[in-house]
Protein backbone atom coordinates (compact mmCIF):
# COMPACT_ATOMS: atom_id res chain seq x y z
CA MET A 1 116.96 -185.17 -50.52
CA VAL A 2 115.26 -182.79 -48.04
CA GLN A 3 117.58 -179.77 -47.52
CA GLY A 4 119.21 -179.54 -50.91
CA THR A 5 122.84 -178.85 -51.76
CA SER A 6 122.97 -175.18 -50.67
CA GLN A 7 121.96 -173.10 -47.65
CA GLU A 8 121.14 -169.45 -46.91
CA VAL A 9 123.62 -167.73 -44.58
CA ALA A 10 123.26 -164.31 -42.87
CA LEU A 11 126.51 -162.29 -42.82
CA ASP A 12 126.85 -159.25 -40.52
CA SER A 13 129.55 -157.18 -38.85
CA ARG A 14 129.96 -154.81 -35.96
CA PRO A 15 130.11 -152.06 -37.03
CA PRO A 16 128.01 -152.79 -40.11
CA GLY A 17 129.03 -151.83 -43.65
CA ALA A 18 132.06 -154.12 -43.89
CA THR A 19 133.01 -155.72 -47.22
CA PHE A 20 133.04 -159.55 -47.18
CA THR A 21 134.38 -162.16 -49.57
CA VAL A 22 133.28 -165.79 -49.48
CA GLY A 23 133.49 -168.47 -52.18
CA GLY A 24 134.22 -165.91 -54.86
CA VAL A 25 131.21 -163.79 -53.83
CA SER A 26 131.63 -160.26 -52.41
CA GLY A 27 129.17 -157.94 -50.75
CA THR A 28 128.54 -155.55 -47.85
CA THR A 29 127.16 -156.42 -44.43
CA PRO A 30 124.48 -157.05 -43.44
CA ARG A 31 123.43 -159.47 -46.19
CA ARG A 32 121.93 -162.91 -46.70
CA ILE A 33 123.40 -165.16 -49.43
CA GLU A 34 122.88 -168.70 -50.70
CA LEU A 35 126.05 -170.82 -50.52
CA PRO A 36 126.72 -174.36 -51.71
CA LYS A 37 127.39 -176.63 -48.76
CA ASP A 38 131.14 -176.52 -48.37
CA ASP A 39 133.77 -175.27 -45.90
CA TYR A 40 134.59 -171.55 -46.31
CA ARG A 41 136.89 -168.84 -45.05
CA ILE A 42 135.04 -165.52 -44.96
CA THR A 43 137.08 -162.30 -44.97
CA PHE A 44 135.63 -159.02 -43.61
CA SER A 45 137.25 -155.61 -44.11
CA LEU A 46 136.28 -152.02 -43.26
CA PRO A 47 138.38 -148.82 -43.50
CA GLY A 48 139.84 -147.93 -40.08
CA TYR A 49 139.47 -151.49 -38.78
CA LEU A 50 141.63 -154.56 -38.80
CA PRO A 51 140.51 -157.20 -41.35
CA ARG A 52 139.05 -160.37 -39.87
CA THR A 53 138.64 -163.88 -41.26
CA LEU A 54 136.08 -166.36 -39.92
CA GLU A 55 135.53 -169.98 -40.84
CA LEU A 56 132.19 -171.42 -41.88
CA LYS A 57 132.25 -175.20 -41.57
CA ARG A 58 129.85 -178.07 -42.16
CA GLN A 59 128.50 -180.82 -39.96
CA VAL A 60 126.37 -183.92 -40.61
CA SER A 61 122.77 -182.93 -41.24
CA ALA A 62 120.09 -184.44 -39.02
CA TYR A 63 118.04 -185.05 -42.18
CA PHE A 64 120.75 -187.38 -43.51
CA TYR A 65 119.73 -190.01 -40.98
CA GLY A 66 116.25 -189.86 -42.53
CA SER A 67 117.82 -190.49 -45.96
CA ILE A 68 119.54 -193.59 -44.59
CA ALA A 69 116.18 -194.82 -43.36
CA LEU A 70 114.80 -194.35 -46.89
CA GLY A 71 117.41 -196.69 -48.28
CA PHE A 72 120.70 -196.92 -50.14
CA VAL A 73 119.65 -194.82 -53.12
CA ALA A 74 118.54 -191.80 -51.08
CA SER A 75 121.63 -191.79 -48.89
CA ALA A 76 123.90 -192.30 -51.90
CA ILE A 77 122.37 -189.27 -53.63
CA ASP A 78 122.94 -187.11 -50.51
CA ILE A 79 126.56 -188.24 -50.28
CA ALA A 80 127.22 -187.71 -53.98
CA THR A 81 125.74 -184.18 -54.01
CA GLY A 82 127.08 -183.08 -50.63
CA ALA A 83 123.57 -182.60 -49.28
CA TRP A 84 124.31 -184.95 -46.39
CA LYS A 85 125.95 -182.04 -44.52
CA GLU A 86 124.77 -178.60 -43.33
CA PHE A 87 126.50 -175.47 -42.03
CA GLN A 88 127.29 -175.41 -38.32
CA THR A 89 125.65 -171.95 -38.17
CA THR A 90 123.64 -169.87 -40.59
CA GLU A 91 124.43 -166.54 -38.87
CA VAL A 92 127.98 -165.20 -39.03
CA LEU A 93 128.88 -162.02 -37.10
CA ALA A 94 132.32 -160.43 -37.36
CA VAL A 95 133.26 -158.01 -34.57
CA LEU A 96 135.94 -155.75 -36.03
CA GLU A 97 138.72 -154.13 -34.01
CA PRO A 98 139.77 -150.56 -34.85
CA ALA A 99 143.16 -150.29 -36.52
CA PRO A 100 146.01 -148.84 -34.41
CA GLY A 101 146.08 -145.05 -34.39
CA THR A 102 142.44 -144.69 -35.39
CA THR A 103 139.41 -143.50 -33.45
CA GLU A 104 135.84 -144.67 -33.43
CA ARG A 105 132.62 -142.96 -32.47
CA ILE A 106 130.26 -145.21 -30.49
CA GLY A 107 126.75 -144.32 -29.39
CA VAL A 108 125.64 -144.83 -25.80
CA ARG A 109 122.50 -144.00 -23.78
CA VAL A 110 123.30 -142.13 -20.53
CA THR A 111 120.67 -141.52 -17.82
CA SER A 112 120.53 -140.49 -14.16
CA ASP A 113 118.13 -140.34 -11.26
CA PRO A 114 117.20 -137.55 -10.82
CA PRO A 115 117.56 -136.43 -14.45
CA GLY A 116 119.17 -133.19 -15.61
CA ALA A 117 122.71 -134.03 -14.49
CA GLU A 118 125.69 -132.74 -16.48
CA ILE A 119 127.77 -135.48 -18.16
CA TRP A 120 131.54 -134.88 -18.13
CA THR A 121 134.58 -136.77 -19.39
CA GLY A 122 137.57 -135.04 -17.89
CA ASP A 123 137.00 -131.31 -18.45
CA VAL A 124 134.63 -131.82 -21.39
CA LEU A 125 130.91 -131.27 -20.86
CA HIS A 126 128.83 -133.37 -23.27
CA ALA A 127 125.14 -132.96 -22.37
CA ARG A 128 122.58 -133.36 -19.61
CA THR A 129 120.82 -136.58 -18.76
CA PRO A 130 119.02 -138.27 -20.35
CA ALA A 131 121.19 -138.16 -23.48
CA ASP A 132 122.26 -140.29 -26.46
CA LEU A 133 125.99 -139.58 -26.76
CA GLU A 134 128.43 -140.26 -29.58
CA LEU A 135 131.72 -140.74 -27.75
CA GLU A 136 135.08 -140.93 -29.50
CA TRP A 137 137.21 -143.95 -28.60
CA LYS A 138 140.87 -144.52 -29.36
CA THR A 139 141.93 -148.00 -30.42
CA GLU A 140 143.60 -148.80 -27.10
CA GLU A 141 140.73 -147.44 -24.94
CA ARG A 142 138.65 -150.13 -23.25
CA SER A 143 136.74 -147.86 -20.85
CA LYS A 144 135.98 -144.22 -20.03
CA GLU A 145 135.16 -142.48 -16.77
CA LEU A 146 132.00 -140.37 -16.89
CA THR A 147 131.26 -137.86 -14.12
CA PHE A 148 127.72 -136.73 -13.30
CA ARG A 149 127.12 -133.32 -11.69
CA LEU A 150 123.78 -131.96 -10.50
CA GLY A 151 123.10 -129.09 -8.08
CA GLY A 152 122.21 -130.26 -4.58
CA HIS A 153 123.79 -133.69 -5.18
CA PHE A 154 127.23 -135.23 -4.73
CA PRO A 155 129.20 -135.65 -7.99
CA LYS A 156 129.40 -139.28 -9.10
CA SER A 157 131.92 -140.96 -11.40
CA LEU A 158 131.19 -144.24 -13.20
CA VAL A 159 133.19 -146.37 -15.62
CA LEU A 160 131.70 -146.95 -19.07
CA ALA A 161 132.98 -150.05 -20.90
CA ARG A 162 133.67 -149.74 -24.60
CA GLU A 163 131.12 -152.47 -25.31
CA GLY A 164 128.61 -151.02 -22.87
CA GLU A 165 125.17 -150.25 -24.25
CA GLY A 166 124.24 -147.69 -21.58
CA LEU A 167 125.14 -146.10 -18.27
CA HIS A 168 122.84 -145.05 -15.40
CA ALA A 169 123.81 -143.04 -12.30
CA GLU A 170 121.92 -142.91 -9.00
CA LEU A 171 122.84 -139.51 -7.56
CA GLU A 172 123.00 -138.98 -3.79
CA PRO A 173 121.54 -135.67 -2.54
CA GLN A 174 123.72 -133.37 -0.46
CA PRO A 175 122.36 -132.43 2.99
CA ILE A 176 121.18 -128.84 3.48
CA ALA A 177 122.62 -127.18 6.58
CA ALA A 178 120.20 -125.17 8.71
CA ARG A 179 120.41 -123.39 12.09
CA VAL A 180 117.30 -123.30 14.28
CA LEU A 181 116.76 -121.12 17.36
CA VAL A 182 114.80 -122.93 20.06
CA ARG A 183 113.53 -120.74 22.87
CA SER A 184 110.97 -121.10 25.62
CA THR A 185 109.06 -118.94 28.07
CA PRO A 186 110.33 -119.26 30.71
CA PRO A 187 113.86 -120.14 29.49
CA GLY A 188 115.99 -122.98 30.82
CA ALA A 189 113.99 -125.89 29.38
CA ASP A 190 115.94 -129.04 28.52
CA VAL A 191 115.89 -129.75 24.77
CA ARG A 192 116.04 -133.18 23.16
CA VAL A 193 116.14 -133.77 19.40
CA GLY A 194 115.35 -137.24 18.12
CA GLY A 195 115.69 -138.57 21.65
CA ARG A 196 119.15 -137.04 22.21
CA THR A 197 119.94 -134.24 24.66
CA ALA A 198 120.90 -131.01 22.86
CA GLY A 199 121.07 -128.41 25.67
CA ALA A 200 118.82 -125.85 27.37
CA THR A 201 116.81 -122.94 25.96
CA PRO A 202 117.60 -120.56 24.43
CA LEU A 203 119.55 -122.87 22.12
CA TYR A 204 120.77 -122.91 18.52
CA LEU A 205 120.48 -126.28 16.75
CA ASP A 206 122.68 -127.00 13.75
CA LEU A 207 120.86 -129.54 11.59
CA ALA A 208 121.44 -131.19 8.21
CA TRP A 209 118.45 -132.05 6.02
CA LEU A 210 118.07 -134.42 3.09
CA PRO A 211 115.08 -134.05 0.71
CA LYS A 212 113.33 -137.19 1.96
CA ASP A 213 114.10 -136.77 5.67
CA PRO A 214 111.10 -137.10 8.01
CA PRO A 215 110.30 -134.27 10.48
CA ARG A 216 112.61 -133.93 13.50
CA VAL A 217 110.85 -134.27 16.87
CA VAL A 218 111.93 -131.65 19.43
CA GLU A 219 111.03 -132.20 23.11
CA LEU A 220 111.18 -129.50 25.81
CA LYS A 221 111.04 -130.32 29.52
CA LYS A 222 111.31 -128.12 32.57
CA GLU A 223 110.52 -128.99 36.16
CA GLY A 224 107.11 -127.68 37.15
CA TYR A 225 105.93 -127.33 33.54
CA GLN A 226 104.07 -129.53 31.08
CA PRO A 227 106.43 -131.30 28.61
CA VAL A 228 106.09 -130.14 25.00
CA ARG A 229 106.68 -131.94 21.68
CA ARG A 230 107.08 -130.01 18.44
CA GLU A 231 108.18 -130.93 14.91
CA LEU A 232 110.75 -129.29 12.65
CA ARG A 233 109.81 -130.15 9.05
CA GLY A 234 112.77 -128.88 7.07
CA PRO A 235 115.49 -126.28 6.59
CA ARG A 236 112.88 -123.52 6.29
CA ASP A 237 112.04 -123.88 9.99
CA GLN A 238 114.52 -121.45 11.54
CA GLU A 239 112.88 -120.72 14.90
CA LEU A 240 110.85 -122.67 17.43
CA ALA A 241 109.24 -120.64 20.24
CA VAL A 242 107.26 -122.39 22.99
CA ASP A 243 105.24 -120.98 25.90
CA LEU A 244 105.46 -123.55 28.68
CA GLU A 245 102.38 -124.24 30.79
CA GLU A 246 102.75 -124.73 34.52
CA VAL A 247 101.85 -128.01 36.12
CA VAL A 248 99.05 -127.13 38.59
CA GLU A 249 98.26 -129.34 41.59
CA ILE A 250 95.22 -128.97 43.82
CA LEU A 251 96.07 -130.07 47.35
CA PRO A 252 94.13 -129.30 50.56
CA ILE A 253 95.03 -127.89 53.93
CA PHE A 254 92.87 -128.86 56.92
CA LEU A 255 91.84 -125.88 59.05
CA ARG A 256 90.54 -125.28 62.55
CA ALA A 257 89.49 -121.77 63.55
CA VAL A 258 89.24 -120.42 67.09
CA PRO A 259 86.68 -119.04 67.65
CA ALA A 260 84.55 -121.14 65.32
CA GLY A 261 82.63 -119.31 62.62
CA ALA A 262 85.49 -116.97 61.66
CA GLU A 263 85.45 -115.55 58.15
CA LEU A 264 88.29 -116.44 55.73
CA ALA A 265 89.87 -114.78 52.68
CA VAL A 266 92.50 -116.53 50.51
CA ASP A 267 95.00 -114.21 48.82
CA GLY A 268 92.57 -111.34 49.43
CA VAL A 269 89.53 -113.17 48.00
CA PRO A 270 86.74 -113.88 50.57
CA VAL A 271 85.66 -117.54 50.71
CA GLY A 272 83.18 -117.43 53.63
CA ARG A 273 83.53 -119.18 56.96
CA VAL A 274 86.74 -121.07 57.64
CA PRO A 275 86.21 -124.60 56.18
CA GLU A 276 87.56 -127.76 57.68
CA ARG A 277 89.16 -128.65 54.34
CA LEU A 278 90.54 -125.93 52.06
CA PRO A 279 91.73 -127.02 48.54
CA LEU A 280 94.50 -124.80 47.19
CA ARG A 281 96.24 -124.55 43.80
CA TRP A 282 99.98 -125.08 43.77
CA SER A 283 102.46 -124.53 40.91
CA VAL A 284 105.84 -123.03 40.17
CA SER A 285 104.38 -119.52 40.47
CA LEU A 286 101.99 -120.43 43.34
CA ARG A 287 104.37 -121.54 46.06
CA LYS A 288 102.50 -119.85 48.94
CA HIS A 289 99.07 -118.50 49.90
CA VAL A 290 98.03 -115.89 52.43
CA LEU A 291 95.03 -116.80 54.62
CA SER A 292 93.24 -113.91 56.34
CA ALA A 293 90.80 -114.73 59.19
CA SER A 294 88.45 -112.32 61.00
CA PHE A 295 85.74 -112.54 63.66
CA PRO A 296 83.77 -109.80 65.42
CA GLY A 297 85.46 -108.79 68.63
CA CYS A 298 88.75 -110.40 67.63
CA VAL A 299 91.99 -109.16 66.13
CA PRO A 300 92.18 -110.14 62.41
CA ARG A 301 95.02 -112.51 61.59
CA GLN A 302 97.02 -113.37 58.48
CA VAL A 303 98.79 -116.70 58.05
CA GLU A 304 101.14 -117.64 55.20
CA VAL A 305 101.04 -121.31 54.08
CA THR A 306 103.48 -123.08 51.72
CA ARG A 307 103.35 -126.16 49.50
CA ALA A 308 105.19 -128.12 52.19
CA GLN A 309 102.19 -127.66 54.53
CA ALA A 310 99.70 -129.12 52.03
CA GLY A 311 97.93 -132.15 53.49
CA GLY A 312 98.53 -130.98 57.06
CA THR A 313 96.33 -129.29 59.68
CA LEU A 314 96.54 -125.61 60.52
CA GLU A 315 94.94 -123.91 63.52
CA ILE A 316 94.08 -120.24 63.21
CA ARG A 317 93.52 -118.75 66.65
CA LEU A 318 92.18 -115.20 66.88
CA ALA A 319 92.91 -113.05 69.92
CA PRO A 320 90.06 -111.02 71.42
CA LEU A 321 90.15 -107.25 71.09
CA LEU A 322 91.18 -105.44 74.27
CA PRO A 323 88.94 -102.63 75.47
CA LYS A 324 90.19 -99.16 74.67
CA VAL A 325 91.51 -97.22 77.64
CA PRO A 326 89.68 -93.82 77.98
C-alpha cells in the first residue's frame, strides 16, 4: 500500500563498464533500474574478467506491519501484489576478478616526505613523487614492491596491495660526514664533544650530521686557562681555533725591609717604598717575580719570589756599602 510492487536498485561494478543481466533486462554499470519485487540472480560480465553472479533477495518490508494495523483488506492487497516484501539491499556492487593470463592497469596515488623521490618497481623508473601512477597487474599479483630513492636519503621499499588506494613513504635522511680540526693556543687542551672526551688539541673530529641535528657543543679545558665552550653548527664548520686565556690570580706577599724606607721595583718597574703587603699577579706565564730593593748607602739587592711563597712573609735585608780603599 505504501512502497508499491517495485523498487529502484543501483547496479555497479569494479571496474565499471560491465554488462549486467537481471530479470530479462540488460545494461552497463553503473546504472539504476526499477525492478518488480522478486528474487533475482544478476550476472555481470566484462572482457578480460571472470563473470560474476550475485543474488538479490527480498525480505519482509517494515511497512507491511503498518498494513496489518490498517486491517485485513490492506494486508491482503500487499500479500496478493507482492508489495509486502522489499529488497534486502538497493545497491549491488560486483567486484570482478581478472581472467587468468590477463593484465589490468590500476591507478594509485604515490607520495613521499620529502617529495621528489624516484619511484621504482624492480629496475623500472616510473615517476617522481607525488605522482598518479597507472600500474600494470597480472591476474595472480596481489601486491607490488615500490622503492623510493632520493639524494641524501636512504632508499625505502614499501609493499603496495592490489586493492590499495595510495602509498606514502617517510624517507630517512642519510648523515653527512664531516671532519673538523680543533686547535688551541697554546695546544694540549682537553676536548669534549657533547659531554664525551675526544682527545687533546690539535685534534681532528669525525662527525656525522643529519639535516635537523642541533649544534654540537665543544668544550676545551687546560690547567691554568679559562674553560671555553664553542658550537659547531653543521658540516660546513671544518675548523675551530681557540685562543685560551690564562687564569690570573692576585695573591700578596708580606714584606719587611731592612733598613726601613728602602725603594722597591717589581720586575724592573718601580713601585716606591717597600710595602708591608705586596699584591702580585700569578698565572701560567707568571710563575715568578723579581723584587729589586735599594737604599742610599746600601748594596742593592734582587730577590726572586715564586707562587709557592705567596701568602708568606719575606725579609729583604740590605748590606751597607763598604768604604773604598784608597
